[in-house]
Amino acid sequence: VGKESLVYLACEKLLDCVNVDEVYLDTECSDIRAQV
């Protein structure tokens, strides 16, 4: 969607949140892990 994938945008968004201490991506997919 635009320049990045949905999963990349979601992870980037949560990392930008000042009130979130740690961000975890939970996946079984190697392609998703490679993407982020």
All heavy atoms as atom14 arrays in JSON, in Angstrom:
{
  "sequence": "VGKESLVYLACEKLLDCVNVDEVYLDTECSDIRAQV",
  "atom14_mask": [
    [1, 1, 1, 1, 1, 1, 1, 0, 0, 0, 0, 0, 0, 0],
    [1, 1, 1, 1, 0, 0, 0, 0, 0, 0, 0, 0, 0, 0],
    [1, 1, 1, 1, 1, 1, 1, 1, 1, 0, 0, 0, 0, 0],
    [1, 1, 1, 1, 1, 1, 1, 1, 1, 0, 0, 0, 0, 0],
    [1, 1, 1, 1, 1, 1, 0, 0, 0, 0, 0, 0, 0, 0],
    [1, 1, 1, 1, 1, 1, 1, 1, 0, 0, 0, 0, 0, 0],
    [1, 1, 1, 1, 1, 1, 1, 0, 0, 0, 0, 0, 0, 0],
    [1, 1, 1, 1, 1, 1, 1, 1, 1, 1, 1, 1, 0, 0],
    [1, 1, 1, 1, 1, 1, 1, 1, 0, 0, 0, 0, 0, 0],
    [1, 1, 1, 1, 1, 0, 0, 0, 0, 0, 0, 0, 0, 0],
    [1, 1, 1, 1, 1, 1, 0, 0, 0, 0, 0, 0, 0, 0],
    [1, 1, 1, 1, 1, 1, 1, 1, 1, 0, 0, 0, 0, 0],
    [1, 1, 1, 1, 1, 1, 1, 1, 1, 0, 0, 0, 0, 0],
    [1, 1, 1, 1, 1, 1, 1, 1, 0, 0, 0, 0, 0, 0],
    [1, 1, 1, 1, 1, 1, 1, 1, 0, 0, 0, 0, 0, 0],
    [1, 1, 1, 1, 1, 1, 1, 1, 0, 0, 0, 0, 0, 0],
    [1, 1, 1, 1, 1, 1, 0, 0, 0, 0, 0, 0, 0, 0],
    [1, 1, 1, 1, 1, 1, 1, 0, 0, 0, 0, 0, 0, 0],
    [1, 1, 1, 1, 1, 1, 1, 1, 0, 0, 0, 0, 0, 0],
    [1, 1, 1, 1, 1, 1, 1, 0, 0, 0, 0, 0, 0, 0],
    [1, 1, 1, 1, 1, 1, 1, 1, 0, 0, 0, 0, 0, 0],
    [1, 1, 1, 1, 1, 1, 1, 1, 1, 0, 0, 0, 0, 0],
    [1, 1, 1, 1, 1, 1, 1, 0, 0, 0, 0, 0, 0, 0],
    [1, 1, 1, 1, 1, 1, 1, 1, 1, 1, 1, 1, 0, 0],
    [1, 1, 1, 1, 1, 1, 1, 1, 0, 0, 0, 0, 0, 0],
    [1, 1, 1, 1, 1, 1, 1, 1, 0, 0, 0, 0, 0, 0],
    [1, 1, 1, 1, 1, 1, 1, 0, 0, 0, 0, 0, 0, 0],
    [1, 1, 1, 1, 1, 1, 1, 1, 1, 0, 0, 0, 0, 0],
    [1, 1, 1, 1, 1, 1, 0, 0, 0, 0, 0, 0, 0, 0],
    [1, 1, 1, 1, 1, 1, 0, 0, 0, 0, 0, 0, 0, 0],
    [1, 1, 1, 1, 1, 1, 1, 1, 0, 0, 0, 0, 0, 0],
    [1, 1, 1, 1, 1, 1, 1, 1, 0, 0, 0, 0, 0, 0],
    [1, 1, 1, 1, 1, 1, 1, 1, 1, 1, 1, 0, 0, 0],
    [1, 1, 1, 1, 1, 0, 0, 0, 0, 0, 0, 0, 0, 0],
    [1, 1, 1, 1, 1, 1, 1, 1, 1, 0, 0, 0, 0, 0],
    [1, 1, 1, 1, 1, 1, 1, 0, 0, 0, 0, 0, 0, 0]
  ],
  "atom14_positions": [
    [[0.88, -1.17, 0.0], [0.0, 0.0, 0.0], [0.91, 1.21, 0.0], [1.48, 1.58, 1.02], [-0.93, 0.02, 1.22], [-1.79, 1.28, 1.22], [-1.82, -1.21, 1.24], [0.0, 0.0, 0.0], [0.0, 0.0, 0.0], [0.0, 0.0, 0.0], [0.0, 0.0, 0.0], [0.0, 0.0, 0.0], [0.0, 0.0, 0.0], [0.0, 0.0, 0.0]],
    [[1.08, 1.81, -1.16], [2.07, 2.87, -1.26], [3.45, 2.27, -1.42], [3.65, 1.3, -2.16], [0.0, 0.0, 0.0], [0.0, 0.0, 0.0], [0.0, 0.0, 0.0], [0.0, 0.0, 0.0], [0.0, 0.0, 0.0], [0.0, 0.0, 0.0], [0.0, 0.0, 0.0], [0.0, 0.0, 0.0], [0.0, 0.0, 0.0], [0.0, 0.0, 0.0]],
    [[4.41, 2.78, -0.67], [5.8, 2.36, -0.84], [6.16, 1.11, -0.03], [7.18, 0.48, -0.28], [6.74, 3.51, -0.43], [6.58, 4.76, -1.29], [7.49, 5.87, -0.81], [7.31, 7.12, -1.65], [8.17, 8.25, -1.16], [0.0, 0.0, 0.0], [0.0, 0.0, 0.0], [0.0, 0.0, 0.0], [0.0, 0.0, 0.0], [0.0, 0.0, 0.0]],
    [[5.35, 0.78, 0.97], [5.68, -0.33, 1.86], [4.51, -1.3, 2.0], [3.38, -1.0, 1.64], [6.07, 0.21, 3.25], [7.22, 1.21, 3.27], [8.56, 0.58, 2.93], [8.62, -0.65, 2.82], [9.54, 1.33, 2.77], [0.0, 0.0, 0.0], [0.0, 0.0, 0.0], [0.0, 0.0, 0.0], [0.0, 0.0, 0.0], [0.0, 0.0, 0.0]],
    [[4.81, -2.45, 2.56], [3.76, -3.45, 2.82], [2.99, -3.08, 4.07], [3.44, -2.28, 4.91], [4.4, -4.83, 2.99], [5.19, -4.86, 4.17], [0.0, 0.0, 0.0], [0.0, 0.0, 0.0], [0.0, 0.0, 0.0], [0.0, 0.0, 0.0], [0.0, 0.0, 0.0], [0.0, 0.0, 0.0], [0.0, 0.0, 0.0], [0.0, 0.0, 0.0]],
    [[1.81, -3.68, 4.21], [0.99, -3.43, 5.39], [1.71, -3.81, 6.68], [1.64, -3.08, 7.67], [-0.32, -4.21, 5.29], [-1.32, -3.7, 4.25], [-2.48, -4.69, 4.11], [-1.84, -2.32, 4.61], [0.0, 0.0, 0.0], [0.0, 0.0, 0.0], [0.0, 0.0, 0.0], [0.0, 0.0, 0.0], [0.0, 0.0, 0.0], [0.0, 0.0, 0.0]],
    [[2.41, -4.93, 6.67], [3.09, -5.36, 7.9], [4.25, -4.42, 8.23], [4.49, -4.12, 9.41], [3.57, -6.82, 7.78], [4.66, -6.98, 6.73], [4.05, -7.33, 9.13], [0.0, 0.0, 0.0], [0.0, 0.0, 0.0], [0.0, 0.0, 0.0], [0.0, 0.0, 0.0], [0.0, 0.0, 0.0], [0.0, 0.0, 0.0], [0.0, 0.0, 0.0]],
    [[4.95, -3.94, 7.23], [6.04, -3.0, 7.49], [5.5, -1.7, 8.07], [6.04, -1.18, 9.06], [6.8, -2.71, 6.19], [8.08, -1.92, 6.38], [9.31, -2.57, 6.45], [8.06, -0.53, 6.51], [10.49, -1.86, 6.63], [9.22, 0.19, 6.7], [10.43, -0.48, 6.76], [11.6, 0.25, 6.96], [0.0, 0.0, 0.0], [0.0, 0.0, 0.0]],
    [[4.43, -1.19, 7.48], [3.84, 0.06, 7.98], [3.36, -0.08, 9.42], [3.53, 0.83, 10.23], [2.68, 0.48, 7.08], [3.03, 0.95, 5.66], [1.77, 1.11, 4.84], [3.83, 2.24, 5.71], [0.0, 0.0, 0.0], [0.0, 0.0, 0.0], [0.0, 0.0, 0.0], [0.0, 0.0, 0.0], [0.0, 0.0, 0.0], [0.0, 0.0, 0.0]],
    [[2.77, -1.24, 9.74], [2.26, -1.45, 11.09], [3.4, -1.48, 12.11], [3.31, -0.84, 13.17], [1.48, -2.76, 11.15], [0.0, 0.0, 0.0], [0.0, 0.0, 0.0], [0.0, 0.0, 0.0], [0.0, 0.0, 0.0], [0.0, 0.0, 0.0], [0.0, 0.0, 0.0], [0.0, 0.0, 0.0], [0.0, 0.0, 0.0], [0.0, 0.0, 0.0]],
    [[4.46, -2.2, 11.8], [5.6, -2.27, 12.72], [6.27, -0.92, 12.89], [6.6, -0.5, 14.01], [6.62, -3.3, 12.21], [6.03, -4.99, 12.23], [0.0, 0.0, 0.0], [0.0, 0.0, 0.0], [0.0, 0.0, 0.0], [0.0, 0.0, 0.0], [0.0, 0.0, 0.0], [0.0, 0.0, 0.0], [0.0, 0.0, 0.0], [0.0, 0.0, 0.0]],
    [[6.45, -0.21, 11.79], [7.07, 1.11, 11.83], [6.23, 2.08, 12.67], [6.77, 2.87, 13.45], [7.22, 1.64, 10.41], [7.98, 2.95, 10.29], [8.15, 3.36, 8.84], [7.14, 3.39, 8.1], [9.28, 3.66, 8.43], [0.0, 0.0, 0.0], [0.0, 0.0, 0.0], [0.0, 0.0, 0.0], [0.0, 0.0, 0.0], [0.0, 0.0, 0.0]],
    [[4.92, 1.98, 12.52], [3.98, 2.86, 13.24], [4.09, 2.65, 14.75], [4.16, 3.61, 15.53], [2.57, 2.57, 12.76], [1.49, 3.43, 13.35], [0.15, 3.04, 12.74], [0.21, 3.12, 11.24], [-1.04, 2.69, 10.6], [0.0, 0.0, 0.0], [0.0, 0.0, 0.0], [0.0, 0.0, 0.0], [0.0, 0.0, 0.0], [0.0, 0.0, 0.0]],
    [[4.1, 1.4, 15.17], [4.18, 1.11, 16.61], [5.53, 1.51, 17.18], [5.62, 1.98, 18.32], [3.9, -0.37, 16.87], [2.46, -0.78, 17.18], [2.03, -0.2, 18.51], [1.5, -0.37, 16.09], [0.0, 0.0, 0.0], [0.0, 0.0, 0.0], [0.0, 0.0, 0.0], [0.0, 0.0, 0.0], [0.0, 0.0, 0.0], [0.0, 0.0, 0.0]],
    [[6.59, 1.36, 16.4], [7.92, 1.77, 16.84], [7.99, 3.28, 17.04], [8.77, 3.77, 17.84], [8.99, 1.31, 15.85], [9.29, -0.19, 15.82], [10.16, -0.52, 14.61], [9.98, -0.64, 17.11], [0.0, 0.0, 0.0], [0.0, 0.0, 0.0], [0.0, 0.0, 0.0], [0.0, 0.0, 0.0], [0.0, 0.0, 0.0], [0.0, 0.0, 0.0]],
    [[7.17, 4.02, 16.29], [7.14, 5.48, 16.4], [6.33, 5.98, 17.59], [6.37, 7.17, 17.91], [6.56, 6.1, 15.12], [7.54, 6.03, 13.95], [8.74, 5.85, 14.2], [7.08, 6.14, 12.79], [0.0, 0.0, 0.0], [0.0, 0.0, 0.0], [0.0, 0.0, 0.0], [0.0, 0.0, 0.0], [0.0, 0.0, 0.0], [0.0, 0.0, 0.0]],
    [[5.57, 5.1, 18.24], [4.73, 5.51, 19.36], [5.59, 5.76, 20.6], [6.35, 4.88, 21.04], [3.71, 4.43, 19.68], [2.41, 4.25, 18.45], [0.0, 0.0, 0.0], [0.0, 0.0, 0.0], [0.0, 0.0, 0.0], [0.0, 0.0, 0.0], [0.0, 0.0, 0.0], [0.0, 0.0, 0.0], [0.0, 0.0, 0.0], [0.0, 0.0, 0.0]],
    [[5.46, 6.94, 21.19], [6.27, 7.29, 22.36], [5.81, 6.56, 23.61], [6.57, 6.42, 24.57], [6.26, 8.82, 22.6], [6.87, 9.55, 21.42], [4.84, 9.32, 22.87], [0.0, 0.0, 0.0], [0.0, 0.0, 0.0], [0.0, 0.0, 0.0], [0.0, 0.0, 0.0], [0.0, 0.0, 0.0], [0.0, 0.0, 0.0], [0.0, 0.0, 0.0]],
    [[4.57, 6.08, 23.61], [4.03, 5.42, 24.8], [4.15, 3.89, 24.76], [3.66, 3.21, 25.65], [2.55, 5.8, 24.99], [2.38, 7.26, 25.36], [3.17, 7.81, 26.11], [1.36, 7.89, 24.81], [0.0, 0.0, 0.0], [0.0, 0.0, 0.0], [0.0, 0.0, 0.0], [0.0, 0.0, 0.0], [0.0, 0.0, 0.0], [0.0, 0.0, 0.0]],
    [[4.81, 3.37, 23.73], [5.01, 1.93, 23.61], [6.48, 1.62, 23.87], [7.36, 2.17, 23.21], [4.58, 1.41, 22.22], [4.89, -0.08, 22.09], [3.1, 1.67, 21.98], [0.0, 0.0, 0.0], [0.0, 0.0, 0.0], [0.0, 0.0, 0.0], [0.0, 0.0, 0.0], [0.0, 0.0, 0.0], [0.0, 0.0, 0.0], [0.0, 0.0, 0.0]],
    [[6.73, 0.76, 24.82], [8.12, 0.46, 25.2], [8.77, -0.57, 24.29], [9.93, -0.42, 23.9], [8.16, -0.04, 26.65], [7.76, 1.04, 27.64], [8.53, 1.99, 27.81], [6.66, 0.95, 28.21], [0.0, 0.0, 0.0], [0.0, 0.0, 0.0], [0.0, 0.0, 0.0], [0.0, 0.0, 0.0], [0.0, 0.0, 0.0], [0.0, 0.0, 0.0]],
    [[8.04, -1.63, 23.96], [8.6, -2.68, 23.1], [7.55, -3.12, 22.09], [6.36, -3.2, 22.4], [9.06, -3.88, 23.92], [10.24, -3.57, 24.84], [10.72, -4.79, 25.62], [10.18, -5.91, 25.41], [11.62, -4.63, 26.46], [0.0, 0.0, 0.0], [0.0, 0.0, 0.0], [0.0, 0.0, 0.0], [0.0, 0.0, 0.0], [0.0, 0.0, 0.0]],
    [[8.03, -3.42, 20.86], [7.14, -3.84, 19.78], [7.57, -5.22, 19.3], [8.75, -5.44, 18.98], [7.17, -2.84, 18.6], [6.23, -3.32, 17.48], [6.78, -1.45, 19.07], [0.0, 0.0, 0.0], [0.0, 0.0, 0.0], [0.0, 0.0, 0.0], [0.0, 0.0, 0.0], [0.0, 0.0, 0.0], [0.0, 0.0, 0.0], [0.0, 0.0, 0.0]],
    [[6.61, -6.14, 19.24], [6.87, -7.51, 18.81], [6.01, -7.84, 17.59], [4.82, -7.54, 17.56], [6.51, -8.5, 19.92], [7.35, -8.39, 21.16], [7.08, -7.42, 22.13], [8.42, -9.26, 21.38], [7.84, -7.31, 23.28], [9.2, -9.17, 22.54], [8.89, -8.19, 23.48], [9.66, -8.09, 24.63], [0.0, 0.0, 0.0], [0.0, 0.0, 0.0]],
    [[6.61, -8.49, 16.61], [5.88, -9.02, 15.47], [5.78, -10.53, 15.65], [6.78, -11.22, 15.78], [6.58, -8.7, 14.16], [5.96, -9.33, 12.91], [4.59, -8.73, 12.63], [6.87, -9.16, 11.7], [0.0, 0.0, 0.0], [0.0, 0.0, 0.0], [0.0, 0.0, 0.0], [0.0, 0.0, 0.0], [0.0, 0.0, 0.0], [0.0, 0.0, 0.0]],
    [[4.55, -11.03, 15.65], [4.28, -12.45, 15.87], [3.88, -13.08, 14.54], [2.79, -12.81, 14.03], [3.17, -12.59, 16.91], [2.71, -14.03, 17.08], [3.48, -14.95, 16.75], [1.57, -14.23, 17.53], [0.0, 0.0, 0.0], [0.0, 0.0, 0.0], [0.0, 0.0, 0.0], [0.0, 0.0, 0.0], [0.0, 0.0, 0.0], [0.0, 0.0, 0.0]],
    [[4.75, -13.93, 13.98], [4.46, -14.52, 12.67], [5.13, -15.87, 12.5], [6.16, -16.15, 13.13], [4.91, -13.58, 11.53], [4.5, -14.12, 10.27], [6.42, -13.38, 11.54], [0.0, 0.0, 0.0], [0.0, 0.0, 0.0], [0.0, 0.0, 0.0], [0.0, 0.0, 0.0], [0.0, 0.0, 0.0], [0.0, 0.0, 0.0], [0.0, 0.0, 0.0]],
    [[4.54, -16.69, 11.64], [5.14, -17.97, 11.27], [5.81, -17.89, 9.91], [6.47, -18.83, 9.45], [4.06, -19.06, 11.25], [3.33, -19.26, 9.94], [2.47, -18.08, 9.47], [2.3, -17.12, 10.23], [1.96, -18.12, 8.34], [0.0, 0.0, 0.0], [0.0, 0.0, 0.0], [0.0, 0.0, 0.0], [0.0, 0.0, 0.0], [0.0, 0.0, 0.0]],
    [[5.67, -16.73, 9.24], [6.02, -16.58, 7.82], [7.42, -16.0, 7.62], [7.71, -14.88, 8.07], [4.97, -15.7, 7.15], [5.27, -15.39, 5.41], [0.0, 0.0, 0.0], [0.0, 0.0, 0.0], [0.0, 0.0, 0.0], [0.0, 0.0, 0.0], [0.0, 0.0, 0.0], [0.0, 0.0, 0.0], [0.0, 0.0, 0.0], [0.0, 0.0, 0.0]],
    [[8.27, -16.72, 6.91], [9.64, -16.26, 6.66], [9.64, -15.03, 5.75], [10.51, -14.16, 5.89], [10.48, -17.38, 6.05], [9.9, -17.83, 4.83], [0.0, 0.0, 0.0], [0.0, 0.0, 0.0], [0.0, 0.0, 0.0], [0.0, 0.0, 0.0], [0.0, 0.0, 0.0], [0.0, 0.0, 0.0], [0.0, 0.0, 0.0], [0.0, 0.0, 0.0]],
    [[8.68, -14.94, 4.82], [8.62, -13.77, 3.93], [8.29, -12.51, 4.72], [8.83, -11.43, 4.44], [7.56, -13.98, 2.85], [7.98, -15.02, 1.82], [9.2, -15.28, 1.7], [7.1, -15.58, 1.15], [0.0, 0.0, 0.0], [0.0, 0.0, 0.0], [0.0, 0.0, 0.0], [0.0, 0.0, 0.0], [0.0, 0.0, 0.0], [0.0, 0.0, 0.0]],
    [[7.42, -12.63, 5.7], [7.09, -11.48, 6.54], [8.29, -11.07, 7.39], [8.59, -9.88, 7.52], [5.86, -11.8, 7.43], [4.59, -11.79, 6.58], [5.73, -10.79, 8.57], [3.32, -12.13, 7.33], [0.0, 0.0, 0.0], [0.0, 0.0, 0.0], [0.0, 0.0, 0.0], [0.0, 0.0, 0.0], [0.0, 0.0, 0.0], [0.0, 0.0, 0.0]],
    [[8.98, -12.05, 7.94], [10.18, -11.74, 8.74], [11.22, -11.02, 7.89], [11.87, -10.06, 8.34], [10.76, -13.01, 9.35], [9.9, -13.62, 10.44], [10.66, -14.65, 11.24], [10.96, -15.84, 10.47], [10.19, -16.92, 10.4], [9.05, -16.95, 11.07], [10.55, -17.97, 9.69], [0.0, 0.0, 0.0], [0.0, 0.0, 0.0], [0.0, 0.0, 0.0]],
    [[11.38, -11.46, 6.64], [12.34, -10.82, 5.75], [11.92, -9.39, 5.41], [12.76, -8.49, 5.31], [12.49, -11.64, 4.47], [0.0, 0.0, 0.0], [0.0, 0.0, 0.0], [0.0, 0.0, 0.0], [0.0, 0.0, 0.0], [0.0, 0.0, 0.0], [0.0, 0.0, 0.0], [0.0, 0.0, 0.0], [0.0, 0.0, 0.0], [0.0, 0.0, 0.0]],
    [[10.61, -9.19, 5.27], [10.08, -7.88, 4.9], [10.4, -6.82, 5.95], [10.69, -5.66, 5.62], [8.57, -7.99, 4.71], [7.87, -6.72, 4.36], [8.06, -6.31, 2.91], [7.96, -5.14, 2.59], [8.34, -7.25, 2.03], [0.0, 0.0, 0.0], [0.0, 0.0, 0.0], [0.0, 0.0, 0.0], [0.0, 0.0, 0.0], [0.0, 0.0, 0.0]],
    [[10.37, -7.19, 7.23], [10.56, -6.2, 8.3], [11.98, -6.21, 8.87], [12.24, -5.53, 9.86], [9.54, -6.45, 9.45], [8.12, -6.33, 8.92], [9.76, -7.81, 10.1], [0.0, 0.0, 0.0], [0.0, 0.0, 0.0], [0.0, 0.0, 0.0], [0.0, 0.0, 0.0], [0.0, 0.0, 0.0], [0.0, 0.0, 0.0], [0.0, 0.0, 0.0]]
  ]
}
